[in-house]
Amino acid sequence: MITQQLPETPARPECRHTPPCPNADASDRDAAHTVSAHPEQGWSLLCNGVVVFEDFGELLPDGQSRADRRRDLMLASPHRRAS
């Protein structure tokens, strides 16, 4: 089996996705590709180094933690409207 290597992007040399994944400090950081999923433990590692938890909490690559973003993510969803 032959696999094609995508070129590295200048902004994120470790990300080989097209388009490249958002950085860990971007507001849409949760849109990065999952590189390691552990649903039995309730967490996943994203391409940008963010660990996301099933309760919507996050651990950033620099060690900072972010609280539940469920409300923000729900309001950002195009099929939901704020009441």
PDB file of N, CA and C in Angstrom:
ATOM      1  N   MET A   1       0.835  -1.173   0.000  1.00  0.00           N
ATOM      2  CA  MET A   1       0.000   0.000   0.000  1.00  0.00           C
ATOM      3  C   MET A   1       0.884   1.243   0.000  1.00  0.00           C
ATOM      4  N   ILE A   2       0.600   2.166  -0.890  1.00  0.00           N
ATOM      5  CA  ILE A   2       1.360   3.402  -0.998  1.00  0.00           C
ATOM      6  C   ILE A   2       0.530   4.528  -0.396  1.00  0.00           C
ATOM      7  N   THR A   3       1.148   5.297   0.487  1.00  0.00           N
ATOM      8  CA  THR A   3       0.452   6.441   1.069  1.00  0.00           C
ATOM      9  C   THR A   3       1.110   7.713   0.593  1.00  0.00           C
ATOM     10  N   GLN A   4       0.292   8.706   0.338  1.00  0.00           N
ATOM     11  CA  GLN A   4       0.807   9.987  -0.135  1.00  0.00           C
ATOM     12  C   GLN A   4       1.038  10.901   1.055  1.00  0.00           C
ATOM     13  N   GLN A   5       2.212  11.471   1.146  1.00  0.00           N
ATOM     14  CA  GLN A   5       2.546  12.425   2.198  1.00  0.00           C
ATOM     15  C   GLN A   5       2.147  13.814   1.726  1.00  0.00           C
ATOM     16  N   LEU A   6       1.352  14.499   2.533  1.00  0.00           N
ATOM     17  CA  LEU A   6       0.999  15.874   2.208  1.00  0.00           C
ATOM     18  C   LEU A   6       2.123  16.796   2.641  1.00  0.00           C
ATOM     19  N   PRO A   7       2.343  17.889   1.934  1.00  0.00           N
ATOM     20  CA  PRO A   7       3.417  18.804   2.328  1.00  0.00           C
ATOM     21  C   PRO A   7       3.096  19.478   3.660  1.00  0.00           C
ATOM     22  N   GLU A   8       4.147  19.785   4.385  1.00  0.00           N
ATOM     23  CA  GLU A   8       3.970  20.507   5.639  1.00  0.00           C
ATOM     24  C   GLU A   8       3.542  21.926   5.342  1.00  0.00           C
ATOM     25  N   THR A   9       2.700  22.471   6.209  1.00  0.00           N
ATOM     26  CA  THR A   9       2.268  23.848   6.024  1.00  0.00           C
ATOM     27  C   THR A   9       3.203  24.762   6.806  1.00  0.00           C
ATOM     28  N   PRO A  10       3.479  25.960   6.304  1.00  0.00           N
ATOM     29  CA  PRO A  10       4.408  26.846   7.003  1.00  0.00           C
ATOM     30  C   PRO A  10       3.924  27.252   8.390  1.00  0.00           C
ATOM     31  N   ALA A  11       2.610  27.427   8.559  1.00  0.00           N
ATOM     32  CA  ALA A  11       2.090  27.885   9.848  1.00  0.00           C
ATOM     33  C   ALA A  11       2.161  26.788  10.908  1.00  0.00           C
ATOM     34  N   ARG A  12       1.896  25.546  10.535  1.00  0.00           N
ATOM     35  CA  ARG A  12       1.902  24.423  11.473  1.00  0.00           C
ATOM     36  C   ARG A  12       2.650  23.267  10.819  1.00  0.00           C
ATOM     37  N   PRO A  13       3.958  23.194  10.999  1.00  0.00           N
ATOM     38  CA  PRO A  13       4.737  22.169  10.287  1.00  0.00           C
ATOM     39  C   PRO A  13       4.345  20.740  10.644  1.00  0.00           C
ATOM     40  N   GLU A  14       3.784  20.496  11.839  1.00  0.00           N
ATOM     41  CA  GLU A  14       3.415  19.135  12.209  1.00  0.00           C
ATOM     42  C   GLU A  14       2.050  18.715  11.661  1.00  0.00           C
ATOM     43  N   CYS A  15       1.253  19.662  11.199  1.00  0.00           N
ATOM     44  CA  CYS A  15      -0.070  19.359  10.657  1.00  0.00           C
ATOM     45  C   CYS A  15       0.029  19.150   9.157  1.00  0.00           C
ATOM     46  N   ARG A  16      -0.383  17.986   8.711  1.00  0.00           N
ATOM     47  CA  ARG A  16      -0.320  17.670   7.286  1.00  0.00           C
ATOM     48  C   ARG A  16      -1.715  17.597   6.657  1.00  0.00           C
ATOM     49  N   HIS A  17      -2.729  18.147   7.341  1.00  0.00           N
ATOM     50  CA  HIS A  17      -4.085  18.140   6.813  1.00  0.00           C
ATOM     51  C   HIS A  17      -4.304  19.323   5.877  1.00  0.00           C
ATOM     52  N   THR A  18      -5.222  19.137   4.939  1.00  0.00           N
ATOM     53  CA  THR A  18      -5.602  20.206   4.038  1.00  0.00           C
ATOM     54  C   THR A  18      -7.091  20.433   4.171  1.00  0.00           C
ATOM     55  N   PRO A  19      -7.534  21.583   4.584  1.00  0.00           N
ATOM     56  CA  PRO A  19      -6.766  22.725   5.076  1.00  0.00           C
ATOM     57  C   PRO A  19      -6.140  22.399   6.431  1.00  0.00           C
ATOM     58  N   PRO A  20      -5.114  23.146   6.822  1.00  0.00           N
ATOM     59  CA  PRO A  20      -4.448  22.856   8.088  1.00  0.00           C
ATOM     60  C   PRO A  20      -5.375  23.069   9.282  1.00  0.00           C
ATOM     61  N   CYS A  21      -5.139  22.314  10.329  1.00  0.00           N
ATOM     62  CA  CYS A  21      -5.949  22.420  11.546  1.00  0.00           C
ATOM     63  C   CYS A  21      -5.719  23.767  12.224  1.00  0.00           C
ATOM     64  N   PRO A  22      -6.734  24.279  12.931  1.00  0.00           N
ATOM     65  CA  PRO A  22      -6.564  25.536  13.658  1.00  0.00           C
ATOM     66  C   PRO A  22      -5.577  25.369  14.805  1.00  0.00           C
ATOM     67  N   ASN A  23      -4.896  26.444  15.150  1.00  0.00           N
ATOM     68  CA  ASN A  23      -3.946  26.417  16.264  1.00  0.00           C
ATOM     69  C   ASN A  23      -4.682  26.190  17.579  1.00  0.00           C
ATOM     70  N   ALA A  24      -3.944  25.799  18.591  1.00  0.00           N
ATOM     71  CA  ALA A  24      -4.523  25.524  19.902  1.00  0.00           C
ATOM     72  C   ALA A  24      -5.097  26.768  20.557  1.00  0.00           C
ATOM     73  N   ASP A  25      -4.640  27.953  20.171  1.00  0.00           N
ATOM     74  CA  ASP A  25      -5.168  29.180  20.778  1.00  0.00           C
ATOM     75  C   ASP A  25      -6.288  29.820  19.950  1.00  0.00           C
ATOM     76  N   ALA A  26      -6.675  29.194  18.853  1.00  0.00           N
ATOM     77  CA  ALA A  26      -7.754  29.715  18.015  1.00  0.00           C
ATOM     78  C   ALA A  26      -9.114  29.394  18.638  1.00  0.00           C
ATOM     79  N   SER A  27     -10.095  30.217  18.344  1.00  0.00           N
ATOM     80  CA  SER A  27     -11.426  29.988  18.912  1.00  0.00           C
ATOM     81  C   SER A  27     -12.071  28.713  18.360  1.00  0.00           C
ATOM     82  N   ASP A  28     -11.660  28.276  17.177  1.00  0.00           N
ATOM     83  CA  ASP A  28     -12.206  27.050  16.589  1.00  0.00           C
ATOM     84  C   ASP A  28     -11.263  25.855  16.735  1.00  0.00           C
ATOM     85  N   ARG A  29     -10.457  25.867  17.794  1.00  0.00           N
ATOM     86  CA  ARG A  29      -9.457  24.811  18.007  1.00  0.00           C
ATOM     87  C   ARG A  29     -10.058  23.411  18.055  1.00  0.00           C
ATOM     88  N   ASP A  30     -11.343  23.292  18.420  1.00  0.00           N
ATOM     89  CA  ASP A  30     -11.993  21.986  18.497  1.00  0.00           C
ATOM     90  C   ASP A  30     -12.225  21.365  17.122  1.00  0.00           C
ATOM     91  N   ALA A  31     -12.034  22.132  16.061  1.00  0.00           N
ATOM     92  CA  ALA A  31     -12.248  21.629  14.703  1.00  0.00           C
ATOM     93  C   ALA A  31     -11.038  20.855  14.181  1.00  0.00           C
ATOM     94  N   ALA A  32      -9.967  20.790  14.939  1.00  0.00           N
ATOM     95  CA  ALA A  32      -8.778  20.044  14.506  1.00  0.00           C
ATOM     96  C   ALA A  32      -9.098  18.546  14.427  1.00  0.00           C
ATOM     97  N   HIS A  33      -8.352  17.845  13.609  1.00  0.00           N
ATOM     98  CA  HIS A  33      -8.534  16.401  13.453  1.00  0.00           C
ATOM     99  C   HIS A  33      -8.177  15.664  14.731  1.00  0.00           C
ATOM    100  N   THR A  34      -8.907  14.619  15.024  1.00  0.00           N
ATOM    101  CA  THR A  34      -8.602  13.748  16.161  1.00  0.00           C
ATOM    102  C   THR A  34      -7.484  12.804  15.743  1.00  0.00           C
ATOM    103  N   VAL A  35      -6.414  12.762  16.525  1.00  0.00           N
ATOM    104  CA  VAL A  35      -5.305  11.850  16.209  1.00  0.00           C
ATOM    105  C   VAL A  35      -5.281  10.648  17.133  1.00  0.00           C
ATOM    106  N   SER A  36      -5.944  10.751  18.284  1.00  0.00           N
ATOM    107  CA  SER A  36      -6.019   9.629  19.207  1.00  0.00           C
ATOM    108  C   SER A  36      -7.299   9.763  20.035  1.00  0.00           C
ATOM    109  N   ALA A  37      -8.208   8.826  19.859  1.00  0.00           N
ATOM    110  CA  ALA A  37      -9.488   8.871  20.574  1.00  0.00           C
ATOM    111  C   ALA A  37      -9.529   7.784  21.646  1.00  0.00           C
ATOM    112  N   HIS A  38      -9.998   8.149  22.817  1.00  0.00           N
ATOM    113  CA  HIS A  38     -10.137   7.205  23.932  1.00  0.00           C
ATOM    114  C   HIS A  38     -11.510   7.408  24.573  1.00  0.00           C
ATOM    115  N   PRO A  39     -12.589   7.054  23.846  1.00  0.00           N
ATOM    116  CA  PRO A  39     -13.936   7.279  24.367  1.00  0.00           C
ATOM    117  C   PRO A  39     -14.208   6.516  25.655  1.00  0.00           C
ATOM    118  N   GLU A  40     -13.554   5.384  25.823  1.00  0.00           N
ATOM    119  CA  GLU A  40     -13.746   4.613  27.056  1.00  0.00           C
ATOM    120  C   GLU A  40     -13.205   5.354  28.276  1.00  0.00           C
ATOM    121  N   GLN A  41     -12.287   6.289  28.049  1.00  0.00           N
ATOM    122  CA  GLN A  41     -11.721   7.101  29.123  1.00  0.00           C
ATOM    123  C   GLN A  41     -12.257   8.532  29.096  1.00  0.00           C
ATOM    124  N   GLY A  42     -12.990   8.885  28.047  1.00  0.00           N
ATOM    125  CA  GLY A  42     -13.635  10.188  27.981  1.00  0.00           C
ATOM    126  C   GLY A  42     -12.784  11.322  27.460  1.00  0.00           C
ATOM    127  N   TRP A  43     -11.751  11.031  26.659  1.00  0.00           N
ATOM    128  CA  TRP A  43     -10.926  12.109  26.117  1.00  0.00           C
ATOM    129  C   TRP A  43     -10.392  11.741  24.740  1.00  0.00           C
ATOM    130  N   SER A  44      -9.987  12.791  24.001  1.00  0.00           N
ATOM    131  CA  SER A  44      -9.362  12.628  22.681  1.00  0.00           C
ATOM    132  C   SER A  44      -8.264  13.666  22.519  1.00  0.00           C
ATOM    133  N   LEU A  45      -7.226  13.305  21.782  1.00  0.00           N
ATOM    134  CA  LEU A  45      -6.124  14.213  21.457  1.00  0.00           C
ATOM    135  C   LEU A  45      -6.322  14.712  20.041  1.00  0.00           C
ATOM    136  N   LEU A  46      -6.281  16.033  19.872  1.00  0.00           N
ATOM    137  CA  LEU A  46      -6.429  16.637  18.555  1.00  0.00           C
ATOM    138  C   LEU A  46      -5.071  16.920  17.939  1.00  0.00           C
ATOM    139  N   CYS A  47      -5.039  17.128  16.640  1.00  0.00           N
ATOM    140  CA  CYS A  47      -3.822  17.385  15.884  1.00  0.00           C
ATOM    141  C   CYS A  47      -3.049  18.599  16.407  1.00  0.00           C
ATOM    142  N   ASN A  48      -3.756  19.580  16.945  1.00  0.00           N
ATOM    143  CA  ASN A  48      -3.103  20.793  17.436  1.00  0.00           C
ATOM    144  C   ASN A  48      -2.603  20.669  18.874  1.00  0.00           C
ATOM    145  N   GLY A  49      -2.682  19.468  19.446  1.00  0.00           N
ATOM    146  CA  GLY A  49      -2.156  19.229  20.787  1.00  0.00           C
ATOM    147  C   GLY A  49      -3.160  19.435  21.903  1.00  0.00           C
ATOM    148  N   VAL A  50      -4.384  19.818  21.579  1.00  0.00           N
ATOM    149  CA  VAL A  50      -5.429  20.023  22.582  1.00  0.00           C
ATOM    150  C   VAL A  50      -6.031  18.668  22.956  1.00  0.00           C
ATOM    151  N   VAL A  51      -6.233  18.456  24.254  1.00  0.00           N
ATOM    152  CA  VAL A  51      -6.949  17.280  24.733  1.00  0.00           C
ATOM    153  C   VAL A  51      -8.362  17.744  25.061  1.00  0.00           C
ATOM    154  N   VAL A  52      -9.351  17.122  24.417  1.00  0.00           N
ATOM    155  CA  VAL A  52     -10.742  17.465  24.684  1.00  0.00           C
ATOM    156  C   VAL A  52     -11.379  16.335  25.480  1.00  0.00           C
ATOM    157  N   PHE A  53     -12.233  16.720  26.419  1.00  0.00           N
ATOM    158  CA  PHE A  53     -12.898  15.755  27.279  1.00  0.00           C
ATOM    159  C   PHE A  53     -14.374  15.678  26.932  1.00  0.00           C
ATOM    160  N   GLU A  54     -15.008  14.571  27.268  1.00  0.00           N
ATOM    161  CA  GLU A  54     -16.409  14.374  26.903  1.00  0.00           C
ATOM    162  C   GLU A  54     -17.342  15.392  27.546  1.00  0.00           C
ATOM    163  N   ASP A  55     -16.915  16.054  28.612  1.00  0.00           N
ATOM    164  CA  ASP A  55     -17.744  17.088  29.230  1.00  0.00           C
ATOM    165  C   ASP A  55     -17.462  18.466  28.632  1.00  0.00           C
ATOM    166  N   PHE A  56     -16.737  18.504  27.503  1.00  0.00           N
ATOM    167  CA  PHE A  56     -16.391  19.706  26.752  1.00  0.00           C
ATOM    168  C   PHE A  56     -15.295  20.542  27.407  1.00  0.00           C
ATOM    169  N   GLY A  57     -14.666  20.045  28.450  1.00  0.00           N
ATOM    170  CA  GLY A  57     -13.499  20.710  29.007  1.00  0.00           C
ATOM    171  C   GLY A  57     -12.307  20.445  28.096  1.00  0.00           C
ATOM    172  N   GLU A  58     -11.263  21.254  28.231  1.00  0.00           N
ATOM    173  CA  GLU A  58     -10.085  21.115  27.367  1.00  0.00           C
ATOM    174  C   GLU A  58      -8.806  21.327  28.158  1.00  0.00           C
ATOM    175  N   LEU A  59      -7.771  20.659  27.729  1.00  0.00           N
ATOM    176  CA  LEU A  59      -6.425  20.865  28.251  1.00  0.00           C
ATOM    177  C   LEU A  59      -5.577  21.297  27.072  1.00  0.00           C
ATOM    178  N   LEU A  60      -5.016  22.510  27.148  1.00  0.00           N
ATOM    179  CA  LEU A  60      -4.223  23.058  26.049  1.00  0.00           C
ATOM    180  C   LEU A  60      -2.787  22.552  26.135  1.00  0.00           C
ATOM    181  N   PRO A  61      -2.039  22.592  25.032  1.00  0.00           N
ATOM    182  CA  PRO A  61      -0.667  22.072  25.023  1.00  0.00           C
ATOM    183  C   PRO A  61       0.266  22.740  26.036  1.00  0.00           C
ATOM    184  N   ASP A  62      -0.012  23.995  26.396  1.00  0.00           N
ATOM    185  CA  ASP A  62       0.851  24.680  27.361  1.00  0.00           C
ATOM    186  C   ASP A  62       0.475  24.377  28.811  1.00  0.00           C
ATOM    187  N   GLY A  63      -0.507  23.484  29.019  1.00  0.00           N
ATOM    188  CA  GLY A  63      -0.895  23.068  30.361  1.00  0.00           C
ATOM    189  C   GLY A  63      -2.099  23.810  30.925  1.00  0.00           C
ATOM    190  N   GLN A  64      -2.574  24.838  30.246  1.00  0.00           N
ATOM    191  CA  GLN A  64      -3.753  25.557  30.710  1.00  0.00           C
ATOM    192  C   GLN A  64      -4.996  24.691  30.515  1.00  0.00           C
ATOM    193  N   SER A  65      -5.927  24.813  31.434  1.00  0.00           N
ATOM    194  CA  SER A  65      -7.189  24.100  31.270  1.00  0.00           C
ATOM    195  C   SER A  65      -8.283  25.098  30.947  1.00  0.00           C
ATOM    196  N   ARG A  66      -9.236  24.645  30.193  1.00  0.00           N
ATOM    197  CA  ARG A  66     -10.385  25.460  29.821  1.00  0.00           C
ATOM    198  C   ARG A  66     -11.632  24.745  30.325  1.00  0.00           C
ATOM    199  N   ALA A  67     -12.529  25.509  30.900  1.00  0.00           N
ATOM    200  CA  ALA A  67     -13.766  24.945  31.428  1.00  0.00           C
ATOM    201  C   ALA A  67     -14.692  24.529  30.295  1.00  0.00           C
ATOM    202  N   ASP A  68     -15.786  23.978  30.669  1.00  0.00           N
ATOM    203  CA  ASP A  68     -16.828  23.537  29.754  1.00  0.00           C
ATOM    204  C   ASP A  68     -17.202  24.651  28.788  1.00  0.00           C
ATOM    205  N   ARG A  69     -17.107  24.380  27.474  1.00  0.00           N
ATOM    206  CA  ARG A  69     -17.459  25.366  26.438  1.00  0.00           C
ATOM    207  C   ARG A  69     -18.775  25.006  25.768  1.00  0.00           C
ATOM    208  N   ARG A  70     -19.546  24.127  26.387  1.00  0.00           N
ATOM    209  CA  ARG A  70     -20.776  23.634  25.775  1.00  0.00           C
ATOM    210  C   ARG A  70     -21.692  24.775  25.318  1.00  0.00           C
ATOM    211  N   ARG A  71     -21.916  25.783  26.161  1.00  0.00           N
ATOM    212  CA  ARG A  71     -22.821  26.886  25.806  1.00  0.00           C
ATOM    213  C   ARG A  71     -22.285  27.631  24.580  1.00  0.00           C
ATOM    214  N   ASP A  72     -20.990  27.940  24.588  1.00  0.00           N
ATOM    215  CA  ASP A  72     -20.391  28.644  23.449  1.00  0.00           C
ATOM    216  C   ASP A  72     -20.508  27.826  22.166  1.00  0.00           C
ATOM    217  N   LEU A  73     -20.249  26.527  22.261  1.00  0.00           N
ATOM    218  CA  LEU A  73     -20.301  25.671  21.081  1.00  0.00           C
ATOM    219  C   LEU A  73     -21.731  25.517  20.577  1.00  0.00           C
ATOM    220  N   MET A  74     -22.683  25.420  21.493  1.00  0.00           N
ATOM    221  CA  MET A  74     -24.072  25.295  21.089  1.00  0.00           C
ATOM    222  C   MET A  74     -24.558  26.568  20.400  1.00  0.00           C
ATOM    223  N   LEU A  75     -24.186  27.728  20.930  1.00  0.00           N
ATOM    224  CA  LEU A  75     -24.609  28.987  20.318  1.00  0.00           C
ATOM    225  C   LEU A  75     -23.950  29.206  18.960  1.00  0.00           C
ATOM    226  N   ALA A  76     -22.767  28.656  18.763  1.00  0.00           N
ATOM    227  CA  ALA A  76     -22.047  28.808  17.501  1.00  0.00           C
ATOM    228  C   ALA A  76     -22.603  27.866  16.422  1.00  0.00           C
ATOM    229  N   SER A  77     -23.349  26.878  16.831  1.00  0.00           N
ATOM    230  CA  SER A  77     -23.900  25.912  15.890  1.00  0.00           C
ATOM    231  C   SER A  77     -24.911  26.599  14.974  1.00  0.00           C
ATOM    232  N   PRO A  78     -24.800  26.414  13.657  1.00  0.00           N
ATOM    233  CA  PRO A  78     -25.667  27.131  12.725  1.00  0.00           C
ATOM    234  C   PRO A  78     -27.146  26.734  12.831  1.00  0.00           C
ATOM    235  N   HIS A  79     -27.457  25.550  13.342  1.00  0.00           N
ATOM    236  CA  HIS A  79     -28.855  25.124  13.406  1.00  0.00           C
ATOM    237  C   HIS A  79     -29.533  25.475  14.732  1.00  0.00           C
ATOM    238  N   ARG A  80     -28.809  26.138  15.620  1.00  0.00           N
ATOM    239  CA  ARG A  80     -29.383  26.560  16.902  1.00  0.00           C
ATOM    240  C   ARG A  80     -29.437  28.071  16.959  1.00  0.00           C
ATOM    241  N   ARG A  81     -30.384  28.596  17.652  1.00  0.00           N
ATOM    242  CA  ARG A  81     -30.522  30.035  17.822  1.00  0.00           C
ATOM    243  C   ARG A  81     -30.599  30.350  19.313  1.00  0.00           C
ATOM    244  N   ALA A  82     -29.981  31.430  19.697  1.00  0.00           N
ATOM    245  CA  ALA A  82     -30.051  31.855  21.100  1.00  0.00           C
ATOM    246  C   ALA A  82     -31.471  32.314  21.405  1.00  0.00           C
ATOM    247  N   SER A  83     -31.934  31.959  22.573  1.00  0.00           N
ATOM    248  CA  SER A  83     -33.302  32.359  22.933  1.00  0.00           C
ATOM    249  C   SER A  83     -33.320  33.628  23.736  1.00  0.00           C
TER     250      SER A  83
END
